[in-house]
Amino acid sequence: MKLNKKSLFGSIIIIIIFSCTGLTSVYLSAIIMNALGFDKWSLPYILGYIFIILPVYHLLLLGYAFLFGKFSFFYDKIIRVINKIRSIFT
C-alpha cells in the first residue's frame, strides 16, 4: 500500500492507527464470537469471524483515524477496497 505521507511523524501516526485497530478488532471479535456461543474453530465460528471482523475492523479503523486526524486518508483507502471487492462480485 502506497502511503502518501509527508513526514516521519505522519508515518508513525498511520502505524499507530493500524496497530490500535488490529488489537481492538481482534479483542472485540473474540468477545462477539463468545457471546454468540459458537464452538471455537468450528466452521460456523470461522465463517462468522470472517464476516464479523471485516466490518468491525473498518469501523474501528475509521474511528481511530478520526481520533488521530487521518480520517480522509483512511476513508479513501477503505472506499477503494470496497470498490475492488464489489468489482469481484459483479
Protein backbone atom coordinates (compact mmCIF):
# COMPACT_ATOMS: atom_id res chain seq x y z
CA MET A 1 0.00 0.00 0.00
CA LYS A 2 1.45 3.31 -1.01
CA LEU A 3 1.28 5.77 1.86
CA ASN A 4 1.04 9.38 0.77
CA LYS A 5 2.91 10.53 3.82
CA LYS A 6 4.50 13.90 4.21
CA SER A 7 6.67 13.29 7.24
CA LEU A 8 8.05 10.72 9.62
CA PHE A 9 5.51 11.81 12.20
CA GLY A 10 2.66 11.13 9.75
CA SER A 11 4.03 7.66 9.08
CA ILE A 12 4.25 6.91 12.78
CA ILE A 13 0.64 8.04 13.29
CA ILE A 14 -0.50 5.72 10.47
CA ILE A 15 1.34 2.77 12.04
CA ILE A 16 -0.19 3.57 15.43
CA ILE A 17 -3.67 3.68 13.88
CA PHE A 18 -3.17 0.28 12.24
CA SER A 19 -1.81 -1.18 15.49
CA CYS A 20 -4.66 0.10 17.64
CA THR A 21 -7.24 -1.03 15.10
CA GLY A 22 -5.80 -4.53 14.80
CA LEU A 23 -5.58 -5.11 18.52
CA THR A 24 -9.04 -3.73 19.21
CA SER A 25 -10.72 -5.65 16.37
CA VAL A 26 -9.24 -8.97 17.49
CA TYR A 27 -10.31 -8.30 21.08
CA LEU A 28 -13.86 -7.23 20.13
CA SER A 29 -14.34 -10.03 17.62
CA ALA A 30 -13.39 -12.64 20.23
CA ILE A 31 -15.91 -11.13 22.66
CA ILE A 32 -18.63 -11.09 19.99
CA MET A 33 -17.95 -14.68 18.92
CA ASN A 34 -18.06 -15.89 22.53
CA ALA A 35 -21.32 -14.02 23.08
CA LEU A 36 -22.83 -15.73 20.03
CA GLY A 37 -21.88 -19.10 21.53
CA PHE A 38 -20.01 -20.70 18.64
CA ASP A 39 -17.64 -23.59 19.38
CA LYS A 40 -14.09 -22.39 18.85
CA TRP A 41 -12.60 -23.30 15.45
CA SER A 42 -15.79 -24.83 14.12
CA LEU A 43 -16.91 -23.91 10.61
CA PRO A 44 -19.66 -21.54 11.82
CA TYR A 45 -17.13 -19.88 14.14
CA ILE A 46 -14.63 -19.33 11.33
CA LEU A 47 -17.23 -18.03 8.86
CA GLY A 48 -18.82 -15.82 11.49
CA TYR A 49 -15.42 -14.49 12.49
CA ILE A 50 -14.60 -13.58 8.89
CA PHE A 51 -17.91 -11.81 8.34
CA ILE A 52 -17.79 -10.04 11.70
CA ILE A 53 -14.16 -8.93 11.74
CA LEU A 54 -14.24 -7.21 8.32
CA PRO A 55 -16.88 -4.58 9.15
CA VAL A 56 -15.66 -4.25 12.75
CA TYR A 57 -12.11 -3.64 11.52
CA HIS A 58 -13.18 -0.99 9.02
CA LEU A 59 -15.35 0.84 11.53
CA LEU A 60 -12.58 0.81 14.11
CA LEU A 61 -10.08 1.96 11.50
CA LEU A 62 -12.22 4.97 10.68
CA GLY A 63 -12.79 5.65 14.37
CA TYR A 64 -9.10 5.63 15.24
CA ALA A 65 -8.29 7.60 12.09
CA PHE A 66 -10.79 10.24 13.15
CA LEU A 67 -9.23 10.44 16.61
CA PHE A 68 -5.73 10.84 15.17
CA GLY A 69 -6.75 13.26 12.40
CA LYS A 70 -6.22 10.93 9.43
CA PHE A 71 -9.86 10.22 8.58
CA SER A 72 -9.77 11.33 4.93
CA PHE A 73 -6.65 9.24 4.22
CA PHE A 74 -8.18 6.04 5.58
CA TYR A 75 -11.66 6.75 4.22
CA ASP A 76 -10.23 6.91 0.68
CA LYS A 77 -8.37 3.62 1.22
CA ILE A 78 -11.48 1.85 2.55
CA ILE A 79 -13.61 3.08 -0.35
CA ARG A 80 -11.03 1.66 -2.78
CA VAL A 81 -11.08 -1.72 -1.00
CA ILE A 82 -14.89 -1.81 -1.07
CA ASN A 83 -14.93 -0.96 -4.77
CA LYS A 84 -12.42 -3.72 -5.52
CA ILE A 85 -14.48 -6.26 -3.58
CA ARG A 86 -17.62 -5.08 -5.35
CA SER A 87 -15.93 -5.41 -8.77
CA ILE A 88 -15.00 -9.02 -8.00
CA PHE A 89 -18.63 -9.95 -7.45
CA THR A 90 -20.07 -8.05 -10.43
